Amino acid sequence: RGAAVLPFVIAFAAQLIMAWVLAGLLGHLGPGQVTVRSGVISAAFCW
């Protein structure tokens, strides 16, 4: 297939969007509620 760069670029762009959306969801937990624990739990629920 050869060295294809596009899938890696798409993957990184998708990761940026995913992280942005996850941050937006976590932000809705409210002040003081965004922690490592709540981040991992929320991520697991999204998954």
Full PDB file with SEQRES, HELIX, SHEET, SSBOND, CRYST1, ORIGX, SCALE, CONECT and MASTER records, all heavy atoms in Angstrom:
SEQRES   1 A   47  ARG GLY ALA ALA VAL LEU PRO PHE VAL ILE ALA PHE ALA          
SEQRES   2 A   47  ALA GLN LEU ILE MET ALA TRP VAL LEU ALA GLY LEU LEU          
SEQRES   3 A   47  GLY HIS LEU GLY PRO GLY GLN VAL THR VAL ARG SER GLY          
SEQRES   4 A   47  VAL ILE SER ALA ALA PHE CYS TRP                              
HELIX    1 AA1 LEU A    6  GLY A   27  1                                  22    
HELIX    2 AA2 VAL A   36  CYS A   46  1                                  11    
CRYST1    1.000    1.000    1.000  90.00  90.00  90.00 P 1           1          
ORIGX1      1.000000  0.000000  0.000000        0.00000                         
ORIGX2      0.000000  1.000000  0.000000        0.00000                         
ORIGX3      0.000000  0.000000  1.000000        0.00000                         
SCALE1      1.000000  0.000000  0.000000        0.00000                         
SCALE2      0.000000  1.000000  0.000000        0.00000                         
SCALE3      0.000000  0.000000  1.000000        0.00000                         
ATOM      1  N   ARG A   1       0.819  -1.210   0.000  1.00  0.00           N  
ATOM      2  CA  ARG A   1       0.000   0.000   0.000  1.00  0.00           C  
ATOM      3  C   ARG A   1       0.854   1.262   0.000  1.00  0.00           C  
ATOM      4  O   ARG A   1       0.377   2.333  -0.356  1.00  0.00           O  
ATOM      5  CB  ARG A   1      -0.903   0.031   1.236  1.00  0.00           C  
ATOM      6  CG  ARG A   1      -1.968  -1.025   1.248  1.00  0.00           C  
ATOM      7  CD  ARG A   1      -2.775  -0.903   2.516  1.00  0.00           C  
ATOM      8  NE  ARG A   1      -3.814  -1.919   2.584  1.00  0.00           N  
ATOM      9  CZ  ARG A   1      -4.597  -2.087   3.617  1.00  0.00           C  
ATOM     10  NH1 ARG A   1      -4.478  -1.312   4.673  1.00  0.00           N  
ATOM     11  NH2 ARG A   1      -5.511  -3.039   3.607  1.00  0.00           N  
ATOM     12  N   GLY A   2       2.076   1.134   0.467  1.00  0.00           N  
ATOM     13  CA  GLY A   2       2.952   2.298   0.548  1.00  0.00           C  
ATOM     14  C   GLY A   2       2.742   3.060   1.840  1.00  0.00           C  
ATOM     15  O   GLY A   2       1.843   2.767   2.626  1.00  0.00           O  
ATOM     16  N   ALA A   3       3.585   4.035   2.056  1.00  0.00           N  
ATOM     17  CA  ALA A   3       3.516   4.854   3.266  1.00  0.00           C  
ATOM     18  C   ALA A   3       2.377   5.852   3.125  1.00  0.00           C  
ATOM     19  O   ALA A   3       2.477   6.830   2.389  1.00  0.00           O  
ATOM     20  CB  ALA A   3       4.835   5.559   3.505  1.00  0.00           C  
ATOM     21  N   ALA A   4       1.313   5.622   3.838  1.00  0.00           N  
ATOM     22  CA  ALA A   4       0.153   6.506   3.785  1.00  0.00           C  
ATOM     23  C   ALA A   4       0.118   7.369   5.038  1.00  0.00           C  
ATOM     24  O   ALA A   4       0.002   6.863   6.148  1.00  0.00           O  
ATOM     25  CB  ALA A   4      -1.122   5.686   3.654  1.00  0.00           C  
ATOM     26  N   VAL A   5       0.230   8.657   4.854  1.00  0.00           N  
ATOM     27  CA  VAL A   5       0.236   9.593   5.972  1.00  0.00           C  
ATOM     28  C   VAL A   5      -1.183   9.986   6.371  1.00  0.00           C  
ATOM     29  O   VAL A   5      -1.464  10.218   7.550  1.00  0.00           O  
ATOM     30  CB  VAL A   5       1.064  10.847   5.607  1.00  0.00           C  
ATOM     31  CG1 VAL A   5       0.989  11.895   6.684  1.00  0.00           C  
ATOM     32  CG2 VAL A   5       2.504  10.458   5.329  1.00  0.00           C  
ATOM     33  N   LEU A   6      -2.086  10.029   5.401  1.00  0.00           N  
ATOM     34  CA  LEU A   6      -3.440  10.516   5.649  1.00  0.00           C  
ATOM     35  C   LEU A   6      -4.152   9.805   6.801  1.00  0.00           C  
ATOM     36  O   LEU A   6      -4.766  10.481   7.637  1.00  0.00           O  
ATOM     37  CB  LEU A   6      -4.274  10.456   4.366  1.00  0.00           C  
ATOM     38  CG  LEU A   6      -5.670  11.062   4.477  1.00  0.00           C  
ATOM     39  CD1 LEU A   6      -5.601  12.538   4.856  1.00  0.00           C  
ATOM     40  CD2 LEU A   6      -6.418  10.877   3.163  1.00  0.00           C  
ATOM     41  N   PRO A   7      -4.099   8.473   6.916  1.00  0.00           N  
ATOM     42  CA  PRO A   7      -4.784   7.842   8.059  1.00  0.00           C  
ATOM     43  C   PRO A   7      -4.270   8.329   9.413  1.00  0.00           C  
ATOM     44  O   PRO A   7      -5.052   8.462  10.361  1.00  0.00           O  
ATOM     45  CB  PRO A   7      -4.503   6.355   7.872  1.00  0.00           C  
ATOM     46  CG  PRO A   7      -4.233   6.198   6.417  1.00  0.00           C  
ATOM     47  CD  PRO A   7      -3.557   7.470   5.994  1.00  0.00           C  
ATOM     48  N   PHE A   8      -2.986   8.632   9.512  1.00  0.00           N  
ATOM     49  CA  PHE A   8      -2.426   9.119  10.768  1.00  0.00           C  
ATOM     50  C   PHE A   8      -2.886  10.541  11.061  1.00  0.00           C  
ATOM     51  O   PHE A   8      -3.140  10.894  12.220  1.00  0.00           O  
ATOM     52  CB  PHE A   8      -0.897   9.029  10.739  1.00  0.00           C  
ATOM     53  CG  PHE A   8      -0.403   7.613  10.667  1.00  0.00           C  
ATOM     54  CD1 PHE A   8      -0.008   7.069   9.457  1.00  0.00           C  
ATOM     55  CD2 PHE A   8      -0.352   6.830  11.802  1.00  0.00           C  
ATOM     56  CE1 PHE A   8       0.436   5.764   9.379  1.00  0.00           C  
ATOM     57  CE2 PHE A   8       0.091   5.520  11.742  1.00  0.00           C  
ATOM     58  CZ  PHE A   8       0.482   4.983  10.527  1.00  0.00           C  
ATOM     59  N   VAL A   9      -3.012  11.359  10.023  1.00  0.00           N  
ATOM     60  CA  VAL A   9      -3.518  12.725  10.185  1.00  0.00           C  
ATOM     61  C   VAL A   9      -4.982  12.685  10.607  1.00  0.00           C  
ATOM     62  O   VAL A   9      -5.401  13.405  11.531  1.00  0.00           O  
ATOM     63  CB  VAL A   9      -3.332  13.538   8.882  1.00  0.00           C  
ATOM     64  CG1 VAL A   9      -4.023  14.898   8.975  1.00  0.00           C  
ATOM     65  CG2 VAL A   9      -1.849  13.694   8.562  1.00  0.00           C  
ATOM     66  N   ILE A  10      -5.766  11.849   9.950  1.00  0.00           N  
ATOM     67  CA  ILE A  10      -7.183  11.705  10.303  1.00  0.00           C  
ATOM     68  C   ILE A  10      -7.311  11.203  11.739  1.00  0.00           C  
ATOM     69  O   ILE A  10      -8.155  11.687  12.506  1.00  0.00           O  
ATOM     70  CB  ILE A  10      -7.903  10.773   9.315  1.00  0.00           C  
ATOM     71  CG1 ILE A  10      -8.004  11.445   7.940  1.00  0.00           C  
ATOM     72  CG2 ILE A  10      -9.286  10.378   9.842  1.00  0.00           C  
ATOM     73  CD1 ILE A  10      -8.471  10.523   6.832  1.00  0.00           C  
ATOM     74  N   ALA A  11      -6.472  10.243  12.112  1.00  0.00           N  
ATOM     75  CA  ALA A  11      -6.517   9.697  13.472  1.00  0.00           C  
ATOM     76  C   ALA A  11      -6.237  10.789  14.499  1.00  0.00           C  
ATOM     77  O   ALA A  11      -6.935  10.893  15.519  1.00  0.00           O  
ATOM     78  CB  ALA A  11      -5.515   8.555  13.626  1.00  0.00           C  
ATOM     79  N   PHE A  12      -5.243  11.627  14.238  1.00  0.00           N  
ATOM     80  CA  PHE A  12      -4.942  12.685  15.203  1.00  0.00           C  
ATOM     81  C   PHE A  12      -6.058  13.719  15.259  1.00  0.00           C  
ATOM     82  O   PHE A  12      -6.431  14.180  16.347  1.00  0.00           O  
ATOM     83  CB  PHE A  12      -3.596  13.359  14.902  1.00  0.00           C  
ATOM     84  CG  PHE A  12      -3.238  14.360  15.956  1.00  0.00           C  
ATOM     85  CD1 PHE A  12      -2.879  13.951  17.230  1.00  0.00           C  
ATOM     86  CD2 PHE A  12      -3.290  15.712  15.691  1.00  0.00           C  
ATOM     87  CE1 PHE A  12      -2.577  14.868  18.226  1.00  0.00           C  
ATOM     88  CE2 PHE A  12      -2.985  16.640  16.671  1.00  0.00           C  
ATOM     89  CZ  PHE A  12      -2.626  16.220  17.942  1.00  0.00           C  
ATOM     90  N   ALA A  13      -6.611  14.085  14.113  1.00  0.00           N  
ATOM     91  CA  ALA A  13      -7.733  15.033  14.103  1.00  0.00           C  
ATOM     92  C   ALA A  13      -8.916  14.461  14.884  1.00  0.00           C  
ATOM     93  O   ALA A  13      -9.567  15.174  15.662  1.00  0.00           O  
ATOM     94  CB  ALA A  13      -8.140  15.361  12.666  1.00  0.00           C  
ATOM     95  N   ALA A  14      -9.183  13.184  14.697  1.00  0.00           N  
ATOM     96  CA  ALA A  14     -10.267  12.532  15.431  1.00  0.00           C  
ATOM     97  C   ALA A  14      -9.987  12.531  16.935  1.00  0.00           C  
ATOM     98  O   ALA A  14     -10.901  12.736  17.745  1.00  0.00           O  
ATOM     99  CB  ALA A  14     -10.459  11.102  14.922  1.00  0.00           C  
ATOM    100  N   GLN A  15      -8.730  12.333  17.304  1.00  0.00           N  
ATOM    101  CA  GLN A  15      -8.359  12.338  18.730  1.00  0.00           C  
ATOM    102  C   GLN A  15      -8.575  13.733  19.323  1.00  0.00           C  
ATOM    103  O   GLN A  15      -9.031  13.856  20.463  1.00  0.00           O  
ATOM    104  CB  GLN A  15      -6.898  11.926  18.902  1.00  0.00           C  
ATOM    105  CG  GLN A  15      -6.566  10.594  18.290  1.00  0.00           C  
ATOM    106  CD  GLN A  15      -6.647   9.434  19.242  1.00  0.00           C  
ATOM    107  OE1 GLN A  15      -6.715   9.590  20.440  1.00  0.00           O  
ATOM    108  NE2 GLN A  15      -6.620   8.246  18.692  1.00  0.00           N  
ATOM    109  N   LEU A  16      -8.246  14.772  18.561  1.00  0.00           N  
ATOM    110  CA  LEU A  16      -8.481  16.139  19.043  1.00  0.00           C  
ATOM    111  C   LEU A  16      -9.964  16.386  19.290  1.00  0.00           C  
ATOM    112  O   LEU A  16     -10.350  16.942  20.322  1.00  0.00           O  
ATOM    113  CB  LEU A  16      -7.948  17.159  18.038  1.00  0.00           C  
ATOM    114  CG  LEU A  16      -6.485  17.523  18.125  1.00  0.00           C  
ATOM    115  CD1 LEU A  16      -6.081  18.402  16.947  1.00  0.00           C  
ATOM    116  CD2 LEU A  16      -6.159  18.221  19.442  1.00  0.00           C  
ATOM    117  N   ILE A  17     -10.782  15.970  18.344  1.00  0.00           N  
ATOM    118  CA  ILE A  17     -12.232  16.157  18.481  1.00  0.00           C  
ATOM    119  C   ILE A  17     -12.750  15.348  19.666  1.00  0.00           C  
ATOM    120  O   ILE A  17     -13.556  15.837  20.471  1.00  0.00           O  
ATOM    121  CB  ILE A  17     -12.960  15.780  17.175  1.00  0.00           C  
ATOM    122  CG1 ILE A  17     -12.580  16.775  16.071  1.00  0.00           C  
ATOM    123  CG2 ILE A  17     -14.477  15.735  17.388  1.00  0.00           C  
ATOM    124  CD1 ILE A  17     -12.975  16.334  14.671  1.00  0.00           C  
ATOM    125  N   MET A  18     -12.287  14.118  19.788  1.00  0.00           N  
ATOM    126  CA  MET A  18     -12.719  13.262  20.888  1.00  0.00           C  
ATOM    127  C   MET A  18     -12.355  13.886  22.234  1.00  0.00           C  
ATOM    128  O   MET A  18     -13.174  13.918  23.163  1.00  0.00           O  
ATOM    129  CB  MET A  18     -12.078  11.874  20.745  1.00  0.00           C  
ATOM    130  CG  MET A  18     -12.617  10.844  21.699  1.00  0.00           C  
ATOM    131  SD  MET A  18     -11.856   9.223  21.459  1.00  0.00           S  
ATOM    132  CE  MET A  18     -12.525   8.755  19.883  1.00  0.00           C  
ATOM    133  N   ALA A  19     -11.131  14.387  22.369  1.00  0.00           N  
ATOM    134  CA  ALA A  19     -10.693  15.005  23.624  1.00  0.00           C  
ATOM    135  C   ALA A  19     -11.496  16.273  23.911  1.00  0.00           C  
ATOM    136  O   ALA A  19     -11.867  16.541  25.063  1.00  0.00           O  
ATOM    137  CB  ALA A  19      -9.197  15.307  23.562  1.00  0.00           C  
ATOM    138  N   TRP A  20     -11.783  17.048  22.872  1.00  0.00           N  
ATOM    139  CA  TRP A  20     -12.558  18.280  23.036  1.00  0.00           C  
ATOM    140  C   TRP A  20     -13.976  17.967  23.527  1.00  0.00           C  
ATOM    141  O   TRP A  20     -14.484  18.605  24.454  1.00  0.00           O  
ATOM    142  CB  TRP A  20     -12.575  19.034  21.710  1.00  0.00           C  
ATOM    143  CG  TRP A  20     -13.368  20.299  21.728  1.00  0.00           C  
ATOM    144  CD1 TRP A  20     -13.065  21.468  22.377  1.00  0.00           C  
ATOM    145  CD2 TRP A  20     -14.605  20.524  21.052  1.00  0.00           C  
ATOM    146  NE1 TRP A  20     -14.043  22.401  22.144  1.00  0.00           N  
ATOM    147  CE2 TRP A  20     -15.001  21.845  21.337  1.00  0.00           C  
ATOM    148  CE3 TRP A  20     -15.414  19.731  20.244  1.00  0.00           C  
ATOM    149  CZ2 TRP A  20     -16.172  22.396  20.838  1.00  0.00           C  
ATOM    150  CZ3 TRP A  20     -16.573  20.282  19.738  1.00  0.00           C  
ATOM    151  CH2 TRP A  20     -16.946  21.602  20.037  1.00  0.00           C  
ATOM    152  N   VAL A  21     -14.608  16.986  22.918  1.00  0.00           N  
ATOM    153  CA  VAL A  21     -15.965  16.612  23.325  1.00  0.00           C  
ATOM    154  C   VAL A  21     -15.965  16.042  24.744  1.00  0.00           C  
ATOM    155  O   VAL A  21     -16.833  16.380  25.556  1.00  0.00           O  
ATOM    156  CB  VAL A  21     -16.591  15.617  22.317  1.00  0.00           C  
ATOM    157  CG1 VAL A  21     -17.894  15.039  22.845  1.00  0.00           C  
ATOM    158  CG2 VAL A  21     -16.814  16.301  20.972  1.00  0.00           C  
ATOM    159  N   LEU A  22     -14.996  15.199  25.055  1.00  0.00           N  
ATOM    160  CA  LEU A  22     -14.908  14.639  26.404  1.00  0.00           C  
ATOM    161  C   LEU A  22     -14.701  15.764  27.427  1.00  0.00           C  
ATOM    162  O   LEU A  22     -15.324  15.750  28.498  1.00  0.00           O  
ATOM    163  CB  LEU A  22     -13.791  13.606  26.488  1.00  0.00           C  
ATOM    164  CG  LEU A  22     -13.649  12.866  27.818  1.00  0.00           C  
ATOM    165  CD1 LEU A  22     -14.937  12.150  28.205  1.00  0.00           C  
ATOM    166  CD2 LEU A  22     -12.494  11.882  27.740  1.00  0.00           C  
ATOM    167  N   ALA A  23     -13.860  16.739  27.102  1.00  0.00           N  
ATOM    168  CA  ALA A  23     -13.667  17.881  28.006  1.00  0.00           C  
ATOM    169  C   ALA A  23     -14.968  18.647  28.196  1.00  0.00           C  
ATOM    170  O   ALA A  23     -15.285  19.083  29.307  1.00  0.00           O  
ATOM    171  CB  ALA A  23     -12.576  18.804  27.471  1.00  0.00           C  
ATOM    172  N   GLY A  24     -15.728  18.804  27.127  1.00  0.00           N  
ATOM    173  CA  GLY A  24     -17.023  19.475  27.233  1.00  0.00           C  
ATOM    174  C   GLY A  24     -17.990  18.715  28.115  1.00  0.00           C  
ATOM    175  O   GLY A  24     -18.699  19.303  28.938  1.00  0.00           O  
ATOM    176  N   LEU A  25     -18.009  17.408  27.973  1.00  0.00           N  
ATOM    177  CA  LEU A  25     -18.877  16.588  28.830  1.00  0.00           C  
ATOM    178  C   LEU A  25     -18.447  16.673  30.289  1.00  0.00           C  
ATOM    179  O   LEU A  25     -19.289  16.806  31.184  1.00  0.00           O  
ATOM    180  CB  LEU A  25     -18.852  15.132  28.359  1.00  0.00           C  
ATOM    181  CG  LEU A  25     -19.534  14.838  27.032  1.00  0.00           C  
ATOM    182  CD1 LEU A  25     -19.240  13.411  26.582  1.00  0.00           C  
ATOM    183  CD2 LEU A  25     -21.032  15.051  27.142  1.00  0.00           C  
ATOM    184  N   LEU A  26     -17.154  16.581  30.521  1.00  0.00           N  
ATOM    185  CA  LEU A  26     -16.660  16.646  31.893  1.00  0.00           C  
ATOM    186  C   LEU A  26     -16.937  18.011  32.514  1.00  0.00           C  
ATOM    187  O   LEU A  26     -17.217  18.107  33.714  1.00  0.00           O  
ATOM    188  CB  LEU A  26     -15.163  16.345  31.937  1.00  0.00           C  
ATOM    189  CG  LEU A  26     -14.784  14.895  31.700  1.00  0.00           C  
ATOM    190  CD1 LEU A  26     -13.279  14.754  31.520  1.00  0.00           C  
ATOM    191  CD2 LEU A  26     -15.272  14.023  32.843  1.00  0.00           C  
ATOM    192  N   GLY A  27     -16.865  19.056  31.716  1.00  0.00           N  
ATOM    193  CA  GLY A  27     -17.142  20.398  32.221  1.00  0.00           C  
ATOM    194  C   GLY A  27     -18.542  20.542  32.782  1.00  0.00           C  
ATOM    195  O   GLY A  27     -18.790  21.364  33.658  1.00  0.00           O  
ATOM    196  N   HIS A  28     -19.460  19.724  32.312  1.00  0.00           N  
ATOM    197  CA  HIS A  28     -20.840  19.772  32.801  1.00  0.00           C  
ATOM    198  C   HIS A  28     -20.992  19.155  34.191  1.00  0.00           C  
ATOM    199  O   HIS A  28     -22.062  19.252  34.787  1.00  0.00           O  
ATOM    200  CB  HIS A  28     -21.783  19.075  31.814  1.00  0.00           C  
ATOM    201  CG  HIS A  28     -22.117  19.929  30.648  1.00  0.00           C  
ATOM    202  ND1 HIS A  28     -21.281  20.052  29.560  1.00  0.00           N  
ATOM    203  CD2 HIS A  28     -23.166  20.737  30.408  1.00  0.00           C  
ATOM    204  CE1 HIS A  28     -21.823  20.886  28.698  1.00  0.00           C  
ATOM    205  NE2 HIS A  28     -22.961  21.323  29.187  1.00  0.00           N  
ATOM    206  N   LEU A  29     -19.953  18.518  34.699  1.00  0.00           N  
ATOM    207  CA  LEU A  29     -20.034  17.959  36.049  1.00  0.00           C  
ATOM    208  C   LEU A  29     -20.059  19.053  37.105  1.00  0.00           C  
ATOM    209  O   LEU A  29     -20.533  18.840  38.206  1.00  0.00           O  
ATOM    210  CB  LEU A  29     -18.866  17.008  36.309  1.00  0.00           C  
ATOM    211  CG  LEU A  29     -18.835  15.736  35.467  1.00  0.00           C  
ATOM    212  CD1 LEU A  29     -17.571  14.931  35.776  1.00  0.00           C  
ATOM    213  CD2 LEU A  29     -20.080  14.891  35.704  1.00  0.00           C  
ATOM    214  N   GLY A  30     -19.513  20.204  36.754  1.00  0.00           N  
ATOM    215  CA  GLY A  30     -19.546  21.336  37.667  1.00  0.00           C  
ATOM    216  C   GLY A  30     -18.210  21.593  38.337  1.00  0.00           C  
ATOM    217  O   GLY A  30     -17.306  20.758  38.306  1.00  0.00           O  
ATOM    218  N   PRO A  31     -18.100  22.745  38.977  1.00  0.00           N  
ATOM    219  CA  PRO A  31     -16.847  23.133  39.637  1.00  0.00           C  
ATOM    220  C   PRO A  31     -16.425  22.122  40.708  1.00  0.00           C  
ATOM    221  O   PRO A  31     -17.245  21.659  41.489  1.00  0.00           O  
ATOM    222  CB  PRO A  31     -17.178  24.488  40.271  1.00  0.00           C  
ATOM    223  CG  PRO A  31     -18.371  24.985  39.531  1.00  0.00           C  
ATOM    224  CD  PRO A  31     -19.125  23.773  39.100  1.00  0.00           C  
ATOM    225  N   GLY A  32     -15.154  21.782  40.685  1.00  0.00           N  
ATOM    226  CA  GLY A  32     -14.612  20.862  41.674  1.00  0.00           C  
ATOM    227  C   GLY A  32     -14.910  19.396  41.424  1.00  0.00           C  
ATOM    228  O   GLY A  32     -14.465  18.527  42.170  1.00  0.00           O  
ATOM    229  N   GLN A  33     -15.666  19.091  40.384  1.00  0.00           N  
ATOM    230  CA  GLN A  33     -16.052  17.712  40.105  1.00  0.00           C  
ATOM    231  C   GLN A  33     -15.223  17.059  39.005  1.00  0.00           C  
ATOM    232  O   GLN A  33     -15.357  15.865  38.765  1.00  0.00           O  
ATOM    233  CB  GLN A  33     -17.535  17.642  39.723  1.00  0.00           C  
ATOM    234  CG  GLN A  33     -18.467  18.143  40.806  1.00  0.00           C  
ATOM    235  CD  GLN A  33     -18.313  17.349  42.084  1.00  0.00           C  
ATOM    236  OE1 GLN A  33     -18.332  16.129  42.095  1.00  0.00           O  
ATOM    237  NE2 GLN A  33     -18.135  18.065  43.192  1.00  0.00           N  
ATOM    238  N   VAL A  34     -14.417  17.831  38.323  1.00  0.00           N  
ATOM    239  CA  VAL A  34     -13.597  17.292  37.237  1.00  0.00           C  
ATOM    240  C   VAL A  34     -12.266  16.846  37.826  1.00  0.00           C  
ATOM    241  O   VAL A  34     -11.393  17.652  38.121  1.00  0.00           O  
ATOM    242  CB  VAL A  34     -13.398  18.323  36.104  1.00  0.00           C  
ATOM    243  CG1 VAL A  34     -12.550  17.728  34.982  1.00  0.00           C  
ATOM    244  CG2 VAL A  34     -14.755  18.771  35.567  1.00  0.00           C  
ATOM    245  N   THR A  35     -12.153  15.547  38.021  1.00  0.00           N  
ATOM    246  CA  THR A  35     -10.970  14.935  38.613  1.00  0.00           C  
ATOM    247  C   THR A  35     -10.498  13.803  37.716  1.00  0.00           C  
ATOM    248  O   THR A  35     -11.185  13.433  36.759  1.00  0.00           O  
ATOM    249  CB  THR A  35     -11.301  14.355  40.004  1.00  0.00           C  
ATOM    250  OG1 THR A  35     -12.269  13.298  39.837  1.00  0.00           O  
ATOM    251  CG2 THR A  35     -11.866  15.414  40.940  1.00  0.00           C  
ATOM    252  N   VAL A  36      -9.352  13.242  38.029  1.00  0.00           N  
ATOM    253  CA  VAL A  36      -8.862  12.089  37.276  1.00  0.00           C  
ATOM    254  C   VAL A  36      -9.896  10.968  37.338  1.00  0.00           C  
ATOM    255  O   VAL A  36     -10.233  10.352  36.322  1.00  0.00           O  
ATOM    256  CB  VAL A  36      -7.491  11.617  37.813  1.00  0.00           C  
ATOM    257  CG1 VAL A  36      -7.080  10.296  37.177  1.00  0.00           C  
ATOM    258  CG2 VAL A  36      -6.429  12.678  37.569  1.00  0.00           C  
ATOM    259  N   ARG A  37     -10.421  10.721  38.534  1.00  0.00           N  
ATOM    260  CA  ARG A  37     -11.407   9.649  38.717  1.00  0.00           C  
ATOM    261  C   ARG A  37     -12.663   9.892  37.879  1.00  0.00           C  
ATOM    262  O   ARG A  37     -13.123   9.010  37.157  1.00  0.00           O  
ATOM    263  CB  ARG A  37     -11.769   9.528  40.189  1.00  0.00           C  
ATOM    264  CG  ARG A  37     -12.741   8.412  40.504  1.00  0.00           C  
ATOM    265  CD  ARG A  37     -12.969   8.335  42.038  1.00  0.00           C  
ATOM    266  NE  ARG A  37     -13.794   7.214  42.389  1.00  0.00           N  
ATOM    267  CZ  ARG A  37     -15.118   7.271  42.508  1.00  0.00           C  
ATOM    268  NH1 ARG A  37     -15.760   8.410  42.291  1.00  0.00           N  
ATOM    269  NH2 ARG A  37     -15.816   6.206  42.837  1.00  0.00           N  
ATOM    270  N   SER A  38     -13.221  11.087  37.969  1.00  0.00           N  
ATOM    271  CA  SER A  38     -14.441  11.382  37.201  1.00  0.00           C  
ATOM    272  C   SER A  38     -14.152  11.391  35.711  1.00  0.00           C  
ATOM    273  O   SER A  38     -15.021  11.020  34.902  1.00  0.00           O  
ATOM    274  CB  SER A  38     -15.067  12.703  37.644  1.00  0.00           C  
ATOM    275  OG  SER A  38     -14.228  13.797  37.342  1.00  0.00           O  
ATOM    276  N   GLY A  39     -12.944  11.770  35.323  1.00  0.00           N  
ATOM    277  CA  GLY A  39     -12.572  11.740  33.908  1.00  0.00           C  
ATOM    278  C   GLY A  39     -12.531  10.331  33.358  1.00  0.00           C  
ATOM    279  O   GLY A  39     -13.056  10.054  32.275  1.00  0.00           O  
ATOM    280  N   VAL A  40     -11.930   9.421  34.115  1.00  0.00           N  
ATOM    281  CA  VAL A  40     -11.837   8.027  33.671  1.00  0.00           C  
ATOM    282  C   VAL A  40     -13.214   7.367  33.677  1.00  0.00           C  
ATOM    283  O   VAL A  40     -13.570   6.648  32.735  1.00  0.00           O  
ATOM    284  CB  VAL A  40     -10.831   7.243  34.547  1.00  0.00           C  
ATOM    285  CG1 VAL A  40     -10.872   5.755  34.234  1.00  0.00           C  
ATOM    286  CG2 VAL A  40      -9.421   7.787  34.358  1.00  0.00           C  
ATOM    287  N   ILE A  41     -14.004   7.621  34.710  1.00  0.00           N  
ATOM    288  CA  ILE A  41     -15.352   7.031  34.777  1.00  0.00           C  
ATOM    289  C   ILE A  41     -16.220   7.543  33.638  1.00  0.00           C  
ATOM    290  O   ILE A  41     -16.914   6.765  32.963  1.00  0.00           O  
ATOM    291  CB  ILE A  41     -16.000   7.304  36.150  1.00  0.00           C  
ATOM    292  CG1 ILE A  41     -15.288   6.497  37.234  1.00  0.00           C  
ATOM    293  CG2 ILE A  41     -17.496   6.987  36.124  1.00  0.00           C  
ATOM    294  CD1 ILE A  41     -15.685   6.874  38.655  1.00  0.00           C  
ATOM    295  N   SER A  42     -16.187   8.849  33.389  1.00  0.00           N  
ATOM    296  CA  SER A  42     -16.984   9.412  32.288  1.00  0.00           C  
ATOM    297  C   SER A  42     -16.531   8.868  30.944  1.00  0.00           C  
ATOM    298  O   SER A  42     -17.360   8.571  30.069  1.00  0.00           O  
ATOM    299  CB  SER A  42     -16.883  10.940  32.293  1.00  0.00           C  
ATOM    300  OG  SER A  42     -17.434  11.460  33.474  1.00  0.00           O  
ATOM    301  N   ALA A  43     -15.228   8.729  30.770  1.00  0.00           N  
ATOM    302  CA  ALA A  43     -14.689   8.165  29.526  1.00  0.00           C  
ATOM    303  C   ALA A  43     -15.168   6.729  29.337  1.00  0.00           C  
ATOM    304  O   ALA A  43     -15.545   6.329  28.230  1.00  0.00           O  
ATOM    305  CB  ALA A  43     -13.164   8.224  29.545  1.00  0.00           C  
ATOM    306  N   ALA A  44     -15.173   5.959  30.418  1.00  0.00           N  
ATOM    307  CA  ALA A  44     -15.630   4.562  30.334  1.00  0.00           C  
ATOM    308  C   ALA A  44     -17.116   4.491  29.967  1.00  0.00           C  
ATOM    309  O   ALA A  44     -17.521   3.631  29.170  1.00  0.00           O  
ATOM    310  CB  ALA A  44     -15.366   3.838  31.653  1.00  0.00           C  
ATOM    311  N   PHE A  45     -17.911   5.393  30.524  1.00  0.00           N  
ATOM    312  CA  PHE A  45     -19.336   5.427  30.161  1.00  0.00           C  
ATOM    313  C   PHE A  45     -19.525   5.799  28.693  1.00  0.00           C  
ATOM    314  O   PHE A  45     -20.370   5.219  28.004  1.00  0.00           O  
ATOM    315  CB  PHE A  45     -20.111   6.397  31.057  1.00  0.00           C  
ATOM    316  CG  PHE A  45     -20.623   5.775  32.318  1.00  0.00           C  
ATOM    317  CD1 PHE A  45     -20.052   6.088  33.539  1.00  0.00           C  
ATOM    318  CD2 PHE A  45     -21.674   4.872  32.292  1.00  0.00           C  
ATOM    319  CE1 PHE A  45     -20.514   5.516  34.710  1.00  0.00           C  
ATOM    320  CE2 PHE A  45     -22.149   4.291  33.458  1.00  0.00           C  
ATOM    321  CZ  PHE A  45     -21.569   4.614  34.675  1.00  0.00           C  
ATOM    322  N   CYS A  46     -18.752   6.774  28.213  1.00  0.00           N  
ATOM    323  CA  CYS A  46     -18.831   7.144  26.790  1.00  0.00           C  
ATOM    324  C   CYS A  46     -18.456   5.958  25.913  1.00  0.00           C  
ATOM    325  O   CYS A  46     -19.117   5.683  24.904  1.00  0.00           O  
ATOM    326  CB  CYS A  46     -17.908   8.324  26.489  1.00  0.00           C  
ATOM    327  SG  CYS A  46     -18.488   9.893  27.149  1.00  0.00           S  
ATOM    328  N   TRP A  47     -17.396   5.252  26.299  1.00  0.00           N  
ATOM    329  CA  TRP A  47     -16.964   4.081  25.538  1.00  0.00           C  
ATOM    330  C   TRP A  47     -18.074   3.024  25.509  1.00  0.00           C  
ATOM    331  O   TRP A  47     -18.419   2.518  24.443  1.00  0.00           O  
ATOM    332  CB  TRP A  47     -15.685   3.502  26.149  1.00  0.00           C  
ATOM    333  CG  TRP A  47     -15.225   2.248  25.498  1.00  0.00           C  
ATOM    334  CD1 TRP A  47     -14.491   2.137  24.354  1.00  0.00           C  
ATOM    335  CD2 TRP A  47     -15.461   0.908  25.947  1.00  0.00           C  
ATOM    336  NE1 TRP A  47     -14.262   0.810  24.067  1.00  0.00           N  
ATOM    337  CE2 TRP A  47     -14.846   0.034  25.032  1.00  0.00           C  
ATOM    338  CE3 TRP A  47     -16.144   0.367  27.040  1.00  0.00           C  
ATOM    339  CZ2 TRP A  47     -14.900  -1.342  25.170  1.00  0.00           C  
ATOM    340  CZ3 TRP A  47     -16.188  -1.003  27.184  1.00  0.00           C  
ATOM    341  CH2 TRP A  47     -15.569  -1.847  26.244  1.00  0.00           C  
TER     342      TRP A  47                                                      
MASTER        0    0    0    2    0    0    0    6  341    1    0    4          
END                                                                             
